[in-house]
C-alpha cells in the first residue's frame, strides 16, 4: 500500500465523492465520521473532544512503520447548523458547531502533523474552506468564523512547515498544508440552507436561486477539482478557491 488517505466527513456529499475518486493507485482510504459510508470507516464524532484523542491515536497507530509514497488528510467535516442569529439559536447546538467548525480542524490538523513528522514521504494536509471565510453571512456566525479560522490556521502552519524545510536545507520535508474552497456544491447542507426562512438567514433567496438556475456544482465536480489541486502541489500555506483557478 503506497498511499494512505484520510477524509473526514466522507459518509456523504463532497467527502464521499472524494473517497471514491482518488487518483492514486494502491490507495487505502479511511473515512473519519460518525456514520461511515463508501470506504473503510473509523467511527468518530468530530464535535466531541474525546474523539479527537481517539483520532490522534489512530493516526499514530496507522502510521507506525509506514514506508509508502504519500499520506494525505483531507478535512472536510463541518456544519452550517444551527442557522440563525447567535443570540437566538440553541446553545448546545451552537457549541457543537463551534467545536466542529473551529476547533476540530486545528486539533486534528496538529495531530496529523505530529503523527507524520518523522515520515520521509510526501505529506499533505488539505482543509476545506468556503467563501464564507471572508464574506459575513448573518445567521452563519459559527460557520463563518470556523472557515475564517481554518484559513488563518493554514497560513500560519504553512509558514511553520516551510521553515522546517528551509532550516534543514531540504533534509527534512515539511508537510504541504493548504485550504481550498470548492464553491457552492449541491449537497445535503445546501438543502438545509434553502429550507430556512429569511428571518433566520437573510441571504437564503440567493441560494434558492442558485439551485433553480443550475448554479450549483455536483460533489463529483468538486472532488475532481480538489484532487487536481492536491496533485498540483501548490505552496504550503496556500488558501485557494476552485472558482478562481484555471479549469
C-alpha atoms as a PDB file:
ATOM      1  CA  UNK A   1       0.000   0.000   0.000  1.00  0.00           C
ATOM      2  CA  UNK A   2       1.712   3.118  -1.316  1.00  0.00           C
ATOM      3  CA  UNK A   3      -0.846   5.801  -0.447  1.00  0.00           C
ATOM      4  CA  UNK A   4      -2.724   6.316   2.822  1.00  0.00           C
ATOM      5  CA  UNK A   5      -5.566   8.850   2.715  1.00  0.00           C
ATOM      6  CA  UNK A   6      -7.908  10.055   5.436  1.00  0.00           C
ATOM      7  CA  UNK A   7     -11.041  12.053   4.611  1.00  0.00           C
ATOM      8  CA  UNK A   8     -13.225  13.418   7.381  1.00  0.00           C
ATOM      9  CA  UNK A   9     -16.961  13.517   6.760  1.00  0.00           C
ATOM     10  CA  UNK A  10     -16.742  11.025   3.883  1.00  0.00           C
ATOM     11  CA  UNK A  11     -20.138   9.443   4.533  1.00  0.00           C
ATOM     12  CA  UNK A  12     -21.891  11.739   2.019  1.00  0.00           C
ATOM     13  CA  UNK A  13     -21.506  14.794  -0.200  1.00  0.00           C
ATOM     14  CA  UNK A  14     -18.071  16.080  -1.164  1.00  0.00           C
ATOM     15  CA  UNK A  15     -16.328  13.718   1.250  1.00  0.00           C
ATOM     16  CA  UNK A  16     -17.922  10.620  -0.272  1.00  0.00           C
ATOM     17  CA  UNK A  17     -17.159  11.851  -3.788  1.00  0.00           C
ATOM     18  CA  UNK A  18     -13.526  12.381  -2.792  1.00  0.00           C
ATOM     19  CA  UNK A  19     -13.301   8.941  -1.222  1.00  0.00           C
ATOM     20  CA  UNK A  20     -14.320   7.067  -4.376  1.00  0.00           C
ATOM     21  CA  UNK A  21     -12.353   9.169  -6.874  1.00  0.00           C
ATOM     22  CA  UNK A  22      -8.785   9.245  -5.560  1.00  0.00           C
ATOM     23  CA  UNK A  23      -6.346   9.448  -8.491  1.00  0.00           C
ATOM     24  CA  UNK A  24      -3.702   7.390  -6.694  1.00  0.00           C
ATOM     25  CA  UNK A  25      -3.290   3.683  -7.375  1.00  0.00           C
ATOM     26  CA  UNK A  26      -2.780   1.325  -4.448  1.00  0.00           C
ATOM     27  CA  UNK A  27      -4.521   3.698  -2.026  1.00  0.00           C
ATOM     28  CA  UNK A  28      -6.125   2.938   1.290  1.00  0.00           C
ATOM     29  CA  UNK A  29      -8.861   5.491   2.030  1.00  0.00           C
ATOM     30  CA  UNK A  30     -10.264   5.889   5.558  1.00  0.00           C
ATOM     31  CA  UNK A  31     -13.403   7.868   6.395  1.00  0.00           C
ATOM     32  CA  UNK A  32     -13.436   9.717   9.735  1.00  0.00           C
ATOM     33  CA  UNK A  33     -17.105  10.291  10.558  1.00  0.00           C
ATOM     34  CA  UNK A  34     -19.980   9.205  12.748  1.00  0.00           C
ATOM     35  CA  UNK A  35     -21.942   7.190  10.185  1.00  0.00           C
ATOM     36  CA  UNK A  36     -19.499   5.791   7.657  1.00  0.00           C
ATOM     37  CA  UNK A  37     -20.320   5.121   4.040  1.00  0.00           C
ATOM     38  CA  UNK A  38     -18.455   4.126   0.915  1.00  0.00           C
ATOM     39  CA  UNK A  39     -14.940   3.256   2.192  1.00  0.00           C
ATOM     40  CA  UNK A  40     -13.158   1.935   5.282  1.00  0.00           C
ATOM     41  CA  UNK A  41     -14.599   3.668   8.341  1.00  0.00           C
ATOM     42  CA  UNK A  42     -13.116   4.922  11.600  1.00  0.00           C
ATOM     43  CA  UNK A  43     -16.110   5.945  13.715  1.00  0.00           C
ATOM     44  CA  UNK A  44     -15.664   9.315  15.417  1.00  0.00           C
ATOM     45  CA  UNK A  45     -17.827  12.258  16.415  1.00  0.00           C
ATOM     46  CA  UNK A  46     -15.577  15.131  15.378  1.00  0.00           C
ATOM     47  CA  UNK A  47     -17.549  17.596  17.511  1.00  0.00           C
ATOM     48  CA  UNK A  48     -16.535  15.607  20.611  1.00  0.00           C
ATOM     49  CA  UNK A  49     -13.096  16.452  22.071  1.00  0.00           C
ATOM     50  CA  UNK A  50     -12.808  12.936  23.496  1.00  0.00           C
ATOM     51  CA  UNK A  51     -12.910  11.548  19.974  1.00  0.00           C
ATOM     52  CA  UNK A  52     -10.151  13.926  18.851  1.00  0.00           C
ATOM     53  CA  UNK A  53      -7.843  11.958  21.155  1.00  0.00           C
ATOM     54  CA  UNK A  54      -9.018   8.690  19.580  1.00  0.00           C
ATOM     55  CA  UNK A  55      -8.329  10.053  16.083  1.00  0.00           C
ATOM     56  CA  UNK A  56      -4.835  11.172  17.113  1.00  0.00           C
ATOM     57  CA  UNK A  57      -4.097   7.696  18.487  1.00  0.00           C
ATOM     58  CA  UNK A  58      -5.480   6.188  15.272  1.00  0.00           C
ATOM     59  CA  UNK A  59      -3.162   8.360  13.131  1.00  0.00           C
ATOM     60  CA  UNK A  60      -0.163   7.282  15.200  1.00  0.00           C
ATOM     61  CA  UNK A  61      -1.063   3.576  15.086  1.00  0.00           C
ATOM     62  CA  UNK A  62      -1.690   3.500  11.341  1.00  0.00           C
ATOM     63  CA  UNK A  63       1.469   5.440  10.504  1.00  0.00           C
ATOM     64  CA  UNK A  64       3.844   3.437  12.681  1.00  0.00           C
ATOM     65  CA  UNK A  65       6.337   1.942  10.256  1.00  0.00           C
ATOM     66  CA  UNK A  66       4.655   3.422   7.163  1.00  0.00           C
ATOM     67  CA  UNK A  67       7.038   3.326   4.199  1.00  0.00           C
ATOM     68  CA  UNK A  68       4.750   4.279   1.331  1.00  0.00           C
ATOM     69  CA  UNK A  69       4.797   7.147  -1.133  1.00  0.00           C
ATOM     70  CA  UNK A  70       2.360   9.642   0.385  1.00  0.00           C
ATOM     71  CA  UNK A  71      -0.045  10.337   3.225  1.00  0.00           C
ATOM     72  CA  UNK A  72      -2.932  12.784   2.844  1.00  0.00           C
ATOM     73  CA  UNK A  73      -5.562  14.081   5.247  1.00  0.00           C
ATOM     74  CA  UNK A  74      -8.489  15.978   3.738  1.00  0.00           C
ATOM     75  CA  UNK A  75     -10.504  17.619   6.497  1.00  0.00           C
ATOM     76  CA  UNK A  76     -13.951  18.066   5.004  1.00  0.00           C
ATOM     77  CA  UNK A  77     -16.288  17.695   8.007  1.00  0.00           C
ATOM     78  CA  UNK A  78     -18.267  20.767   9.053  1.00  0.00           C
ATOM     79  CA  UNK A  79     -21.761  22.046   9.678  1.00  0.00           C
ATOM     80  CA  UNK A  80     -23.773  25.138   8.856  1.00  0.00           C
ATOM     81  CA  UNK A  81     -26.440  24.453  11.511  1.00  0.00           C
ATOM     82  CA  UNK A  82     -27.809  25.917  13.657  1.00  0.00           C
ATOM     83  CA  UNK A  83     -28.758  28.720  11.288  1.00  0.00           C
ATOM     84  CA  UNK A  84     -29.932  31.935  12.930  1.00  0.00           C
ATOM     85  CA  UNK A  85     -28.615  34.856  14.909  1.00  0.00           C
ATOM     86  CA  UNK A  86     -26.059  33.949  17.560  1.00  0.00           C
ATOM     87  CA  UNK A  87     -28.290  35.414  20.256  1.00  0.00           C
ATOM     88  CA  UNK A  88     -31.265  33.186  19.440  1.00  0.00           C
ATOM     89  CA  UNK A  89     -30.019  29.747  18.306  1.00  0.00           C
ATOM     90  CA  UNK A  90     -29.910  26.700  20.576  1.00  0.00           C
ATOM     91  CA  UNK A  91     -26.925  26.935  22.931  1.00  0.00           C
ATOM     92  CA  UNK A  92     -25.920  23.258  22.821  1.00  0.00           C
ATOM     93  CA  UNK A  93     -26.168  23.049  19.019  1.00  0.00           C
ATOM     94  CA  UNK A  94     -24.145  26.253  18.695  1.00  0.00           C
ATOM     95  CA  UNK A  95     -21.395  24.935  20.978  1.00  0.00           C
ATOM     96  CA  UNK A  96     -21.186  21.750  18.901  1.00  0.00           C
ATOM     97  CA  UNK A  97     -20.942  23.777  15.694  1.00  0.00           C
ATOM     98  CA  UNK A  98     -18.083  25.848  17.128  1.00  0.00           C
ATOM     99  CA  UNK A  99     -16.228  22.699  18.183  1.00  0.00           C
ATOM    100  CA  UNK A 100     -16.681  21.043  14.787  1.00  0.00           C
ATOM    101  CA  UNK A 101     -16.024  24.083  12.590  1.00  0.00           C
ATOM    102  CA  UNK A 102     -13.315  25.939  14.527  1.00  0.00           C
ATOM    103  CA  UNK A 103     -11.599  23.642  16.999  1.00  0.00           C
ATOM    104  CA  UNK A 104     -11.635  20.238  15.289  1.00  0.00           C
ATOM    105  CA  UNK A 105      -9.731  21.345  12.160  1.00  0.00           C
ATOM    106  CA  UNK A 106      -6.936  22.828  14.263  1.00  0.00           C
ATOM    107  CA  UNK A 107      -6.705  19.976  16.761  1.00  0.00           C
ATOM    108  CA  UNK A 108      -6.917  17.202  14.158  1.00  0.00           C
ATOM    109  CA  UNK A 109      -4.589  19.084  11.833  1.00  0.00           C
ATOM    110  CA  UNK A 110      -1.994  19.317  14.605  1.00  0.00           C
ATOM    111  CA  UNK A 111      -2.463  15.610  15.337  1.00  0.00           C
ATOM    112  CA  UNK A 112      -1.804  14.721  11.698  1.00  0.00           C
ATOM    113  CA  UNK A 113       1.303  16.920  11.582  1.00  0.00           C
ATOM    114  CA  UNK A 114       2.620  15.293  14.749  1.00  0.00           C
ATOM    115  CA  UNK A 115       1.891  11.746  13.553  1.00  0.00           C
ATOM    116  CA  UNK A 116       3.547  12.277  10.165  1.00  0.00           C
ATOM    117  CA  UNK A 117       6.518  14.395  11.250  1.00  0.00           C
ATOM    118  CA  UNK A 118       9.036  11.550  11.127  1.00  0.00           C
ATOM    119  CA  UNK A 119       7.991  10.197   7.737  1.00  0.00           C
ATOM    120  CA  UNK A 120      10.204  10.524   4.680  1.00  0.00           C
ATOM    121  CA  UNK A 121       7.385  10.684   2.126  1.00  0.00           C
ATOM    122  CA  UNK A 122       5.011  13.208   0.617  1.00  0.00           C
ATOM    123  CA  UNK A 123       2.651  14.607   3.259  1.00  0.00           C
ATOM    124  CA  UNK A 124      -0.368  16.769   2.512  1.00  0.00           C
ATOM    125  CA  UNK A 125      -2.966  18.284   4.812  1.00  0.00           C
ATOM    126  CA  UNK A 126      -5.944  19.796   2.985  1.00  0.00           C
ATOM    127  CA  UNK A 127      -8.584  21.835   4.804  1.00  0.00           C
ATOM    128  CA  UNK A 128     -11.890  22.572   3.066  1.00  0.00           C
ATOM    129  CA  UNK A 129     -12.874  26.207   3.329  1.00  0.00           C
ATOM    130  CA  UNK A 130     -15.655  28.385   1.919  1.00  0.00           C
ATOM    131  CA  UNK A 131     -16.364  31.840   0.565  1.00  0.00           C
ATOM    132  CA  UNK A 132     -17.981  32.340   3.977  1.00  0.00           C
ATOM    133  CA  UNK A 133     -14.462  32.656   5.413  1.00  0.00           C
ATOM    134  CA  UNK A 134     -14.289  36.198   4.044  1.00  0.00           C
ATOM    135  CA  UNK A 135     -17.939  37.152   3.447  1.00  0.00           C
ATOM    136  CA  UNK A 136     -20.060  37.608   6.571  1.00  0.00           C
ATOM    137  CA  UNK A 137     -23.482  35.977   6.236  1.00  0.00           C
ATOM    138  CA  UNK A 138     -25.883  36.862   9.076  1.00  0.00           C
ATOM    139  CA  UNK A 139     -27.211  33.606  10.518  1.00  0.00           C
ATOM    140  CA  UNK A 140     -23.971  31.709   9.907  1.00  0.00           C
ATOM    141  CA  UNK A 141     -21.721  33.077  12.655  1.00  0.00           C
ATOM    142  CA  UNK A 142     -20.307  29.703  13.777  1.00  0.00           C
ATOM    143  CA  UNK A 143     -19.752  28.578  10.180  1.00  0.00           C
ATOM    144  CA  UNK A 144     -18.264  31.894   9.010  1.00  0.00           C
ATOM    145  CA  UNK A 145     -15.899  32.078  11.972  1.00  0.00           C
ATOM    146  CA  UNK A 146     -14.894  28.438  11.621  1.00  0.00           C
ATOM    147  CA  UNK A 147     -13.888  28.799   7.976  1.00  0.00           C
ATOM    148  CA  UNK A 148     -12.002  32.036   8.708  1.00  0.00           C
ATOM    149  CA  UNK A 149     -10.135  30.220  11.485  1.00  0.00           C
ATOM    150  CA  UNK A 150      -9.279  27.350   9.124  1.00  0.00           C
ATOM    151  CA  UNK A 151      -7.789  29.701   6.545  1.00  0.00           C
ATOM    152  CA  UNK A 152      -5.635  31.626   9.002  1.00  0.00           C
ATOM    153  CA  UNK A 153      -4.504  28.412  10.687  1.00  0.00           C
ATOM    154  CA  UNK A 154      -3.357  27.140   7.274  1.00  0.00           C
ATOM    155  CA  UNK A 155      -1.455  30.363   6.544  1.00  0.00           C
ATOM    156  CA  UNK A 156       0.300  30.179   9.915  1.00  0.00           C
ATOM    157  CA  UNK A 157       1.107  26.473   9.900  1.00  0.00           C
ATOM    158  CA  UNK A 158       2.213  26.741   6.291  1.00  0.00           C
ATOM    159  CA  UNK A 159       4.887  29.200   7.403  1.00  0.00           C
ATOM    160  CA  UNK A 160       5.954  26.803  10.145  1.00  0.00           C
ATOM    161  CA  UNK A 161       6.238  23.835   7.778  1.00  0.00           C
ATOM    162  CA  UNK A 162       8.131  25.879   5.189  1.00  0.00           C
ATOM    163  CA  UNK A 163      10.576  26.959   7.901  1.00  0.00           C
ATOM    164  CA  UNK A 164      11.241  23.338   8.876  1.00  0.00           C
ATOM    165  CA  UNK A 165      12.252  22.510   5.326  1.00  0.00           C
ATOM    166  CA  UNK A 166      14.232  25.730   4.842  1.00  0.00           C
ATOM    167  CA  UNK A 167      16.167  25.476   8.087  1.00  0.00           C
ATOM    168  CA  UNK A 168      17.167  21.882   7.346  1.00  0.00           C
ATOM    169  CA  UNK A 169      18.285  22.874   3.816  1.00  0.00           C
ATOM    170  CA  UNK A 170      15.723  20.441   2.447  1.00  0.00           C
ATOM    171  CA  UNK A 171      16.914  17.496   4.514  1.00  0.00           C
ATOM    172  CA  UNK A 172      13.589  17.386   6.358  1.00  0.00           C
ATOM    173  CA  UNK A 173      10.426  17.644   4.280  1.00  0.00           C
ATOM    174  CA  UNK A 174       7.647  19.850   5.584  1.00  0.00           C
ATOM    175  CA  UNK A 175       4.009  18.897   5.267  1.00  0.00           C
ATOM    176  CA  UNK A 176       2.175  20.702   2.476  1.00  0.00           C
ATOM    177  CA  UNK A 177      -0.751  22.456   4.214  1.00  0.00           C
ATOM    178  CA  UNK A 178      -3.428  24.168   2.104  1.00  0.00           C
ATOM    179  CA  UNK A 179      -7.032  25.374   2.361  1.00  0.00           C
ATOM    180  CA  UNK A 180      -9.422  25.063  -0.575  1.00  0.00           C
ATOM    181  CA  UNK A 181     -12.932  26.485  -1.026  1.00  0.00           C
ATOM    182  CA  UNK A 182     -14.807  24.274  -3.506  1.00  0.00           C
ATOM    183  CA  UNK A 183     -17.559  26.748  -4.400  1.00  0.00           C
ATOM    184  CA  UNK A 184     -21.293  26.207  -3.896  1.00  0.00           C
ATOM    185  CA  UNK A 185     -21.921  22.462  -4.098  1.00  0.00           C
ATOM    186  CA  UNK A 186     -25.253  20.638  -4.361  1.00  0.00           C
ATOM    187  CA  UNK A 187     -25.104  18.697  -1.091  1.00  0.00           C
ATOM    188  CA  UNK A 188     -27.453  17.965   1.806  1.00  0.00           C
ATOM    189  CA  UNK A 189     -26.023  21.048   3.525  1.00  0.00           C
ATOM    190  CA  UNK A 190     -27.360  23.197   0.698  1.00  0.00           C
ATOM    191  CA  UNK A 191     -30.777  21.624   1.196  1.00  0.00           C
ATOM    192  CA  UNK A 192     -30.660  22.593   4.875  1.00  0.00           C
ATOM    193  CA  UNK A 193     -29.757  26.146   3.913  1.00  0.00           C
ATOM    194  CA  UNK A 194     -32.613  26.517   1.404  1.00  0.00           C
ATOM    195  CA  UNK A 195     -35.147  25.184   3.927  1.00  0.00           C
ATOM    196  CA  UNK A 196     -34.730  28.005   6.458  1.00  0.00           C
ATOM    197  CA  UNK A 197     -36.699  31.252   6.399  1.00  0.00           C
ATOM    198  CA  UNK A 198     -35.319  34.700   5.672  1.00  0.00           C
ATOM    199  CA  UNK A 199     -35.546  35.806   9.302  1.00  0.00           C
ATOM    200  CA  UNK A 200     -33.010  33.125  10.278  1.00  0.00           C
ATOM    201  CA  UNK A 201     -30.880  33.568   7.156  1.00  0.00           C
ATOM    202  CA  UNK A 202     -31.471  36.781   5.179  1.00  0.00           C
ATOM    203  CA  UNK A 203     -29.407  35.574   2.184  1.00  0.00           C
ATOM    204  CA  UNK A 204     -31.448  32.377   1.704  1.00  0.00           C
ATOM    205  CA  UNK A 205     -33.024  33.511  -1.594  1.00  0.00           C
ATOM    206  CA  UNK A 206     -29.580  33.736  -3.216  1.00  0.00           C
ATOM    207  CA  UNK A 207     -29.015  30.035  -2.540  1.00  0.00           C
ATOM    208  CA  UNK A 208     -32.506  29.070  -3.686  1.00  0.00           C
ATOM    209  CA  UNK A 209     -31.871  30.907  -6.952  1.00  0.00           C
ATOM    210  CA  UNK A 210     -28.547  29.116  -7.433  1.00  0.00           C
ATOM    211  CA  UNK A 211     -30.439  25.813  -7.226  1.00  0.00           C
ATOM    212  CA  UNK A 212     -33.193  26.954  -9.609  1.00  0.00           C
ATOM    213  CA  UNK A 213     -30.728  28.340 -12.162  1.00  0.00           C
ATOM    214  CA  UNK A 214     -28.321  25.400 -12.140  1.00  0.00           C
ATOM    215  CA  UNK A 215     -25.641  27.437 -10.429  1.00  0.00           C
ATOM    216  CA  UNK A 216     -24.503  24.642  -8.118  1.00  0.00           C
ATOM    217  CA  UNK A 217     -21.736  22.184  -8.940  1.00  0.00           C
ATOM    218  CA  UNK A 218     -22.021  18.494  -8.116  1.00  0.00           C
ATOM    219  CA  UNK A 219     -19.999  16.789  -5.372  1.00  0.00           C
ATOM    220  CA  UNK A 220     -18.225  14.860  -8.122  1.00  0.00           C
ATOM    221  CA  UNK A 221     -17.166  18.083  -9.851  1.00  0.00           C
ATOM    222  CA  UNK A 222     -15.943  19.493  -6.542  1.00  0.00           C
ATOM    223  CA  UNK A 223     -13.991  16.295  -5.827  1.00  0.00           C
ATOM    224  CA  UNK A 224     -12.334  16.378  -9.247  1.00  0.00           C
ATOM    225  CA  UNK A 225     -11.270  19.975  -8.671  1.00  0.00           C
ATOM    226  CA  UNK A 226      -9.928  19.203  -5.211  1.00  0.00           C
ATOM    227  CA  UNK A 227      -7.877  16.230  -6.379  1.00  0.00           C
ATOM    228  CA  UNK A 228      -6.476  18.396  -9.181  1.00  0.00           C
ATOM    229  CA  UNK A 229      -5.384  20.993  -6.607  1.00  0.00           C
ATOM    230  CA  UNK A 230      -3.803  18.306  -4.424  1.00  0.00           C
ATOM    231  CA  UNK A 231      -1.853  16.925  -7.364  1.00  0.00           C
ATOM    232  CA  UNK A 232      -0.780  20.419  -8.498  1.00  0.00           C
ATOM    233  CA  UNK A 233       1.452  20.837  -5.432  1.00  0.00           C
ATOM    234  CA  UNK A 234       0.576  24.437  -4.530  1.00  0.00           C
ATOM    235  CA  UNK A 235       2.950  26.019  -1.991  1.00  0.00           C
ATOM    236  CA  UNK A 236       2.347  25.185   1.626  1.00  0.00           C
ATOM    237  CA  UNK A 237       0.170  27.806   3.339  1.00  0.00           C
ATOM    238  CA  UNK A 238      -1.870  28.452   0.160  1.00  0.00           C
ATOM    239  CA  UNK A 239      -5.518  29.470   0.551  1.00  0.00           C
ATOM    240  CA  UNK A 240      -7.350  28.727  -2.688  1.00  0.00           C
ATOM    241  CA  UNK A 241     -10.821  28.875  -4.234  1.00  0.00           C
ATOM    242  CA  UNK A 242     -11.644  26.453  -7.060  1.00  0.00           C
ATOM    243  CA  UNK A 243     -13.666  29.184  -8.750  1.00  0.00           C
ATOM    244  CA  UNK A 244     -10.523  31.308  -9.158  1.00  0.00           C
ATOM    245  CA  UNK A 245      -8.322  28.561 -10.606  1.00  0.00           C
ATOM    246  CA  UNK A 246      -7.890  27.560 -14.260  1.00  0.00           C
ATOM    247  CA  UNK A 247     -10.342  24.865 -15.348  1.00  0.00           C
END
